[in-house]
Amino acid sequence: MIWGLKSLACFDVWSFEHFFSGVSIGATLLVFMERRLKIDAHDRNHAYIYFSGLLVLTYCWETVEHYLETGLLGAGVSYWFQGVEFWANRMITDPLLNLAGAWVARRAMFIVKGVRLFIFIWLGIHIFVFPHSMYLHELGWF
């Protein structure tokens, strides 16, 4: 299945968040590389460092997310996650969306503040207002 619940499909409502997180994390990584490591991340010869670093961060998050979904922090957190993500979603789609977001961040740093505001609002609503992570799918909005 292409679109649907995260446990069944390659893309879900959180796919948007993965793209926008890629923009935010990619911008942060870009600044870190240029200011701390003194590496020009826009240079084609150093782009592999930028994108490899982003993939490491992405797969670290996906590992943590897997353990949260399986109940490492308790039944409440596990319930909020609403099941374990489909393998293709976790291993292919989410990282590619993060990479796409980071690619956008390299070319359009001016959108980063707006993207971060969107992420803040998105996470606030989904964590503190909605009863679980798949609530929008349950409502039929997506």
N, C-alpha and C. Protein backbone atom coordinates (compact mmCIF):
# COMPACT_ATOMS: atom_id res chain seq x y z
N MET A 1 0.85 -1.17 0.00
CA MET A 1 0.00 0.00 0.00
C MET A 1 0.90 1.24 0.00
N ILE A 2 0.54 2.22 -0.78
CA ILE A 2 1.34 3.44 -0.89
C ILE A 2 1.02 4.42 0.23
N TRP A 3 -0.26 4.71 0.48
CA TRP A 3 -0.68 5.70 1.47
C TRP A 3 -1.65 5.06 2.45
N GLY A 4 -1.46 5.31 3.74
CA GLY A 4 -2.37 4.77 4.74
C GLY A 4 -1.76 4.79 6.12
N LEU A 5 -2.21 3.87 6.96
CA LEU A 5 -1.69 3.77 8.32
C LEU A 5 -0.21 3.40 8.27
N LYS A 6 0.54 3.90 9.24
CA LYS A 6 1.99 3.70 9.21
C LYS A 6 2.41 2.24 9.30
N SER A 7 1.57 1.41 9.87
CA SER A 7 1.92 -0.01 10.01
C SER A 7 1.65 -0.80 8.72
N LEU A 8 1.01 -0.14 7.73
CA LEU A 8 0.64 -0.84 6.50
C LEU A 8 1.18 -0.22 5.23
N ALA A 9 1.58 1.04 5.27
CA ALA A 9 1.87 1.77 4.03
C ALA A 9 3.27 2.39 4.03
N CYS A 10 3.72 2.72 2.83
CA CYS A 10 5.02 3.39 2.69
C CYS A 10 4.96 4.85 3.11
N PHE A 11 3.83 5.50 2.85
CA PHE A 11 3.64 6.90 3.22
C PHE A 11 2.46 6.99 4.18
N ASP A 12 2.60 7.85 5.19
CA ASP A 12 1.51 8.12 6.12
C ASP A 12 1.49 9.61 6.43
N VAL A 13 0.62 10.02 7.34
CA VAL A 13 0.49 11.44 7.66
C VAL A 13 1.79 12.00 8.22
N TRP A 14 2.61 11.17 8.83
CA TRP A 14 3.88 11.62 9.39
C TRP A 14 4.96 11.77 8.33
N SER A 15 4.69 11.37 7.11
CA SER A 15 5.66 11.56 6.03
C SER A 15 5.92 13.05 5.80
N PHE A 16 4.88 13.88 5.96
CA PHE A 16 5.06 15.33 5.84
C PHE A 16 6.06 15.82 6.88
N GLU A 17 5.90 15.33 8.10
CA GLU A 17 6.77 15.75 9.19
C GLU A 17 8.21 15.32 8.94
N HIS A 18 8.41 14.16 8.35
CA HIS A 18 9.77 13.71 8.05
C HIS A 18 10.43 14.62 7.02
N PHE A 19 9.68 15.05 6.03
CA PHE A 19 10.23 15.98 5.05
C PHE A 19 10.62 17.29 5.72
N PHE A 20 9.71 17.85 6.51
CA PHE A 20 9.99 19.13 7.16
C PHE A 20 11.09 19.01 8.21
N SER A 21 11.18 17.88 8.87
CA SER A 21 12.29 17.64 9.80
C SER A 21 13.61 17.59 9.05
N GLY A 22 13.58 17.04 7.86
CA GLY A 22 14.78 17.04 7.03
C GLY A 22 15.25 18.45 6.71
N VAL A 23 14.31 19.36 6.47
CA VAL A 23 14.67 20.76 6.24
C VAL A 23 15.32 21.34 7.49
N SER A 24 14.69 21.14 8.64
CA SER A 24 15.19 21.72 9.89
C SER A 24 16.53 21.12 10.31
N ILE A 25 16.61 19.81 10.32
CA ILE A 25 17.86 19.15 10.72
C ILE A 25 18.96 19.41 9.69
N GLY A 26 18.58 19.41 8.43
CA GLY A 26 19.56 19.71 7.38
C GLY A 26 20.14 21.10 7.52
N ALA A 27 19.31 22.08 7.86
CA ALA A 27 19.80 23.45 8.07
C ALA A 27 20.73 23.51 9.27
N THR A 28 20.38 22.81 10.34
CA THR A 28 21.23 22.78 11.53
C THR A 28 22.57 22.12 11.21
N LEU A 29 22.53 21.03 10.48
CA LEU A 29 23.75 20.33 10.09
C LEU A 29 24.62 21.19 9.18
N LEU A 30 23.98 21.93 8.30
CA LEU A 30 24.69 22.83 7.40
C LEU A 30 25.47 23.88 8.19
N VAL A 31 24.80 24.50 9.15
CA VAL A 31 25.45 25.52 9.99
C VAL A 31 26.57 24.89 10.82
N PHE A 32 26.31 23.71 11.38
CA PHE A 32 27.32 23.02 12.17
C PHE A 32 28.58 22.72 11.35
N MET A 33 28.36 22.23 10.14
CA MET A 33 29.51 21.90 9.29
C MET A 33 30.32 23.13 8.94
N GLU A 34 29.63 24.24 8.66
CA GLU A 34 30.35 25.44 8.23
C GLU A 34 31.02 26.16 9.39
N ARG A 35 30.35 26.23 10.54
CA ARG A 35 30.90 26.99 11.67
C ARG A 35 31.86 26.19 12.53
N ARG A 36 31.53 24.94 12.81
CA ARG A 36 32.35 24.14 13.72
C ARG A 36 33.42 23.32 13.00
N LEU A 37 33.03 22.69 11.91
CA LEU A 37 33.97 21.83 11.19
C LEU A 37 34.74 22.56 10.10
N LYS A 38 34.30 23.79 9.79
CA LYS A 38 34.93 24.61 8.74
C LYS A 38 34.92 23.90 7.39
N ILE A 39 33.80 23.23 7.11
CA ILE A 39 33.62 22.53 5.84
C ILE A 39 32.49 23.20 5.09
N ASP A 40 32.71 23.50 3.83
CA ASP A 40 31.67 24.09 3.00
C ASP A 40 30.72 22.98 2.53
N ALA A 41 29.57 22.90 3.18
CA ALA A 41 28.61 21.84 2.86
C ALA A 41 27.97 22.04 1.49
N HIS A 42 28.07 23.25 0.94
CA HIS A 42 27.52 23.50 -0.39
C HIS A 42 28.45 23.00 -1.50
N ASP A 43 29.70 22.77 -1.15
CA ASP A 43 30.68 22.26 -2.11
C ASP A 43 30.33 20.82 -2.48
N ARG A 44 30.32 20.53 -3.76
CA ARG A 44 29.97 19.18 -4.22
C ARG A 44 30.91 18.12 -3.65
N ASN A 45 32.14 18.48 -3.40
CA ASN A 45 33.11 17.51 -2.87
C ASN A 45 32.83 17.15 -1.41
N HIS A 46 32.06 17.97 -0.72
CA HIS A 46 31.75 17.71 0.69
C HIS A 46 30.28 17.36 0.92
N ALA A 47 29.50 17.29 -0.13
CA ALA A 47 28.08 17.00 0.01
C ALA A 47 27.85 15.63 0.63
N TYR A 48 28.74 14.68 0.35
CA TYR A 48 28.56 13.34 0.90
C TYR A 48 28.66 13.35 2.43
N ILE A 49 29.48 14.24 2.99
CA ILE A 49 29.57 14.35 4.46
C ILE A 49 28.24 14.84 5.01
N TYR A 50 27.69 15.85 4.37
CA TYR A 50 26.41 16.43 4.78
C TYR A 50 25.29 15.39 4.75
N PHE A 51 25.12 14.73 3.62
CA PHE A 51 24.03 13.77 3.48
C PHE A 51 24.27 12.50 4.30
N SER A 52 25.51 12.08 4.45
CA SER A 52 25.81 10.92 5.29
C SER A 52 25.51 11.22 6.75
N GLY A 53 25.88 12.41 7.20
CA GLY A 53 25.57 12.82 8.57
C GLY A 53 24.08 12.84 8.83
N LEU A 54 23.33 13.34 7.85
CA LEU A 54 21.87 13.37 8.00
C LEU A 54 21.30 11.95 8.06
N LEU A 55 21.81 11.05 7.24
CA LEU A 55 21.33 9.66 7.27
C LEU A 55 21.65 8.99 8.61
N VAL A 56 22.80 9.26 9.17
CA VAL A 56 23.14 8.70 10.49
C VAL A 56 22.13 9.18 11.52
N LEU A 57 21.84 10.48 11.53
CA LEU A 57 20.86 11.01 12.48
C LEU A 57 19.47 10.42 12.24
N THR A 58 19.09 10.27 10.98
CA THR A 58 17.78 9.71 10.64
C THR A 58 17.64 8.28 11.13
N TYR A 59 18.62 7.45 10.86
CA TYR A 59 18.53 6.05 11.28
C TYR A 59 18.65 5.90 12.79
N CYS A 60 19.36 6.81 13.45
CA CYS A 60 19.38 6.80 14.93
C CYS A 60 17.98 7.07 15.46
N TRP A 61 17.29 8.07 14.87
CA TRP A 61 15.92 8.36 15.31
C TRP A 61 15.01 7.17 15.02
N GLU A 62 15.12 6.58 13.86
CA GLU A 62 14.26 5.45 13.51
C GLU A 62 14.46 4.28 14.48
N THR A 63 15.67 4.09 14.96
CA THR A 63 15.95 3.05 15.95
C THR A 63 15.26 3.36 17.26
N VAL A 64 15.40 4.60 17.73
CA VAL A 64 14.73 5.01 18.97
C VAL A 64 13.22 4.88 18.82
N GLU A 65 12.69 5.33 17.69
CA GLU A 65 11.26 5.26 17.43
C GLU A 65 10.76 3.81 17.48
N HIS A 66 11.51 2.89 16.93
CA HIS A 66 11.12 1.48 16.96
C HIS A 66 10.96 0.99 18.39
N TYR A 67 11.92 1.32 19.24
CA TYR A 67 11.84 0.87 20.63
C TYR A 67 10.70 1.56 21.38
N LEU A 68 10.40 2.80 21.05
CA LEU A 68 9.26 3.47 21.66
C LEU A 68 7.95 2.81 21.23
N GLU A 69 7.86 2.44 19.96
CA GLU A 69 6.66 1.77 19.45
C GLU A 69 6.44 0.41 20.10
N THR A 70 7.51 -0.26 20.45
CA THR A 70 7.38 -1.60 21.02
C THR A 70 7.19 -1.58 22.53
N GLY A 71 7.16 -0.39 23.14
CA GLY A 71 6.81 -0.30 24.55
C GLY A 71 7.95 -0.12 25.51
N LEU A 72 9.10 0.30 25.06
CA LEU A 72 10.25 0.48 25.95
C LEU A 72 9.95 1.47 27.08
N LEU A 73 9.18 2.52 26.79
CA LEU A 73 8.83 3.51 27.81
C LEU A 73 7.42 3.33 28.35
N GLY A 74 6.84 2.19 28.12
CA GLY A 74 5.54 1.89 28.70
C GLY A 74 4.41 1.81 27.70
N ALA A 75 3.27 1.36 28.22
CA ALA A 75 2.10 1.14 27.37
C ALA A 75 1.52 2.43 26.83
N GLY A 76 1.59 3.52 27.60
CA GLY A 76 1.04 4.80 27.15
C GLY A 76 1.75 5.32 25.91
N VAL A 77 3.05 5.26 25.92
CA VAL A 77 3.84 5.71 24.77
C VAL A 77 3.61 4.77 23.59
N SER A 78 3.59 3.49 23.86
CA SER A 78 3.34 2.51 22.81
C SER A 78 1.96 2.72 22.17
N TYR A 79 0.95 3.01 23.00
CA TYR A 79 -0.40 3.28 22.48
C TYR A 79 -0.38 4.52 21.58
N TRP A 80 0.32 5.57 22.03
CA TRP A 80 0.35 6.80 21.24
C TRP A 80 0.93 6.55 19.85
N PHE A 81 1.94 5.69 19.77
CA PHE A 81 2.56 5.40 18.47
C PHE A 81 1.68 4.54 17.58
N GLN A 82 0.71 3.84 18.12
CA GLN A 82 -0.25 3.05 17.33
C GLN A 82 0.40 2.01 16.43
N GLY A 83 1.22 1.18 17.00
CA GLY A 83 1.80 0.07 16.24
C GLY A 83 3.18 0.35 15.70
N VAL A 84 3.77 -0.68 15.16
CA VAL A 84 5.12 -0.60 14.62
C VAL A 84 5.04 -0.23 13.14
N GLU A 85 5.91 0.67 12.73
CA GLU A 85 5.93 1.17 11.37
C GLU A 85 6.28 0.07 10.37
N PHE A 86 5.65 0.14 9.19
CA PHE A 86 5.94 -0.76 8.08
C PHE A 86 7.42 -0.62 7.72
N TRP A 87 8.10 -1.73 7.45
CA TRP A 87 9.55 -1.71 7.26
C TRP A 87 9.99 -0.76 6.14
N ALA A 88 9.24 -0.71 5.04
CA ALA A 88 9.63 0.16 3.93
C ALA A 88 9.46 1.63 4.31
N ASN A 89 8.46 1.92 5.13
CA ASN A 89 8.27 3.28 5.63
C ASN A 89 9.47 3.68 6.48
N ARG A 90 9.85 2.81 7.40
CA ARG A 90 10.95 3.11 8.33
C ARG A 90 12.31 3.17 7.64
N MET A 91 12.59 2.22 6.78
CA MET A 91 13.95 2.07 6.23
C MET A 91 14.19 2.79 4.91
N ILE A 92 13.12 3.09 4.16
CA ILE A 92 13.30 3.70 2.84
C ILE A 92 12.64 5.07 2.75
N THR A 93 11.32 5.11 2.95
CA THR A 93 10.57 6.34 2.72
C THR A 93 10.97 7.47 3.66
N ASP A 94 10.97 7.21 4.96
CA ASP A 94 11.30 8.27 5.92
C ASP A 94 12.70 8.83 5.71
N PRO A 95 13.73 8.00 5.55
CA PRO A 95 15.06 8.56 5.27
C PRO A 95 15.13 9.34 3.96
N LEU A 96 14.45 8.87 2.91
CA LEU A 96 14.47 9.60 1.65
C LEU A 96 13.78 10.95 1.79
N LEU A 97 12.70 11.00 2.56
CA LEU A 97 12.03 12.28 2.78
C LEU A 97 12.91 13.23 3.60
N ASN A 98 13.64 12.70 4.56
CA ASN A 98 14.59 13.53 5.30
C ASN A 98 15.67 14.07 4.37
N LEU A 99 16.18 13.22 3.49
CA LEU A 99 17.20 13.67 2.53
C LEU A 99 16.64 14.73 1.59
N ALA A 100 15.40 14.55 1.14
CA ALA A 100 14.78 15.55 0.27
C ALA A 100 14.64 16.89 1.00
N GLY A 101 14.23 16.83 2.26
CA GLY A 101 14.13 18.06 3.05
C GLY A 101 15.48 18.73 3.23
N ALA A 102 16.52 17.96 3.47
CA ALA A 102 17.87 18.51 3.63
C ALA A 102 18.36 19.12 2.31
N TRP A 103 18.01 18.50 1.21
CA TRP A 103 18.37 19.04 -0.10
C TRP A 103 17.72 20.41 -0.30
N VAL A 104 16.45 20.53 0.10
CA VAL A 104 15.76 21.82 0.03
C VAL A 104 16.44 22.84 0.94
N ALA A 105 16.82 22.43 2.13
CA ALA A 105 17.48 23.34 3.08
C ALA A 105 18.78 23.89 2.51
N ARG A 106 19.52 23.09 1.78
CA ARG A 106 20.78 23.56 1.17
C ARG A 106 20.54 24.66 0.16
N ARG A 107 19.37 24.67 -0.45
CA ARG A 107 19.09 25.63 -1.51
C ARG A 107 18.18 26.78 -1.08
N ALA A 108 17.48 26.62 0.02
CA ALA A 108 16.50 27.63 0.43
C ALA A 108 16.49 27.81 1.95
N MET A 109 17.57 28.32 2.49
CA MET A 109 17.67 28.49 3.95
C MET A 109 16.62 29.48 4.48
N PHE A 110 16.08 30.33 3.61
CA PHE A 110 15.11 31.32 4.05
C PHE A 110 13.80 30.70 4.54
N ILE A 111 13.53 29.45 4.20
CA ILE A 111 12.27 28.83 4.64
C ILE A 111 12.39 28.11 5.98
N VAL A 112 13.59 28.03 6.54
CA VAL A 112 13.82 27.20 7.72
C VAL A 112 13.01 27.67 8.93
N LYS A 113 12.94 28.98 9.18
CA LYS A 113 12.19 29.47 10.35
C LYS A 113 10.70 29.12 10.23
N GLY A 114 10.14 29.28 9.05
CA GLY A 114 8.74 28.92 8.85
C GLY A 114 8.49 27.43 9.01
N VAL A 115 9.42 26.63 8.52
CA VAL A 115 9.32 25.18 8.65
C VAL A 115 9.39 24.78 10.12
N ARG A 116 10.29 25.39 10.87
CA ARG A 116 10.41 25.07 12.29
C ARG A 116 9.16 25.46 13.07
N LEU A 117 8.53 26.56 12.69
CA LEU A 117 7.27 26.95 13.32
C LEU A 117 6.19 25.91 13.02
N PHE A 118 6.12 25.46 11.76
CA PHE A 118 5.17 24.42 11.38
C PHE A 118 5.40 23.14 12.19
N ILE A 119 6.67 22.72 12.33
CA ILE A 119 6.99 21.50 13.08
C ILE A 119 6.57 21.65 14.54
N PHE A 120 6.84 22.81 15.13
CA PHE A 120 6.48 23.06 16.52
C PHE A 120 4.96 22.94 16.72
N ILE A 121 4.20 23.55 15.82
CA ILE A 121 2.73 23.48 15.91
C ILE A 121 2.26 22.05 15.65
N TRP A 122 2.78 21.40 14.62
CA TRP A 122 2.41 20.02 14.27
C TRP A 122 2.62 19.09 15.46
N LEU A 123 3.83 19.12 16.04
CA LEU A 123 4.13 18.23 17.16
C LEU A 123 3.30 18.57 18.38
N GLY A 124 3.10 19.85 18.64
CA GLY A 124 2.28 20.26 19.78
C GLY A 124 0.86 19.72 19.68
N ILE A 125 0.26 19.85 18.51
CA ILE A 125 -1.10 19.35 18.31
C ILE A 125 -1.14 17.83 18.40
N HIS A 126 -0.22 17.17 17.72
CA HIS A 126 -0.25 15.70 17.69
C HIS A 126 0.11 15.05 19.02
N ILE A 127 0.97 15.69 19.79
CA ILE A 127 1.37 15.09 21.07
C ILE A 127 0.42 15.46 22.19
N PHE A 128 -0.02 16.72 22.25
CA PHE A 128 -0.78 17.18 23.41
C PHE A 128 -2.28 17.29 23.19
N VAL A 129 -2.74 17.31 21.94
CA VAL A 129 -4.18 17.45 21.68
C VAL A 129 -4.78 16.13 21.19
N PHE A 130 -4.20 15.55 20.16
CA PHE A 130 -4.74 14.31 19.60
C PHE A 130 -4.41 13.13 20.52
N PRO A 131 -5.30 12.15 20.58
CA PRO A 131 -5.08 11.01 21.49
C PRO A 131 -3.97 10.05 21.06
N HIS A 132 -3.64 10.00 19.77
CA HIS A 132 -2.55 9.13 19.30
C HIS A 132 -2.06 9.61 17.94
N SER A 133 -0.97 9.03 17.48
CA SER A 133 -0.27 9.53 16.29
C SER A 133 -1.03 9.32 14.98
N MET A 134 -1.95 8.40 14.93
CA MET A 134 -2.67 8.12 13.70
C MET A 134 -4.09 8.69 13.71
N TYR A 135 -4.32 9.69 14.56
CA TYR A 135 -5.66 10.25 14.73
C TYR A 135 -6.20 10.86 13.44
N LEU A 136 -5.38 11.56 12.67
CA LEU A 136 -5.86 12.15 11.42
C LEU A 136 -6.30 11.08 10.42
N HIS A 137 -5.61 9.96 10.37
CA HIS A 137 -6.04 8.85 9.52
C HIS A 137 -7.37 8.29 10.03
N GLU A 138 -7.50 8.20 11.34
CA GLU A 138 -8.72 7.67 11.93
C GLU A 138 -9.92 8.56 11.61
N LEU A 139 -9.69 9.88 11.59
CA LEU A 139 -10.76 10.81 11.24
C LEU A 139 -11.10 10.77 9.76
N GLY A 140 -10.19 10.26 8.96
CA GLY A 140 -10.41 10.20 7.52
C GLY A 140 -9.99 11.47 6.80
N TRP A 141 -9.24 12.35 7.47
CA TRP A 141 -8.78 13.58 6.83
C TRP A 141 -7.64 13.33 5.87
N PHE A 142 -6.88 12.28 6.11
CA PHE A 142 -5.73 11.97 5.25
C PHE A 142 -5.80 10.53 4.83
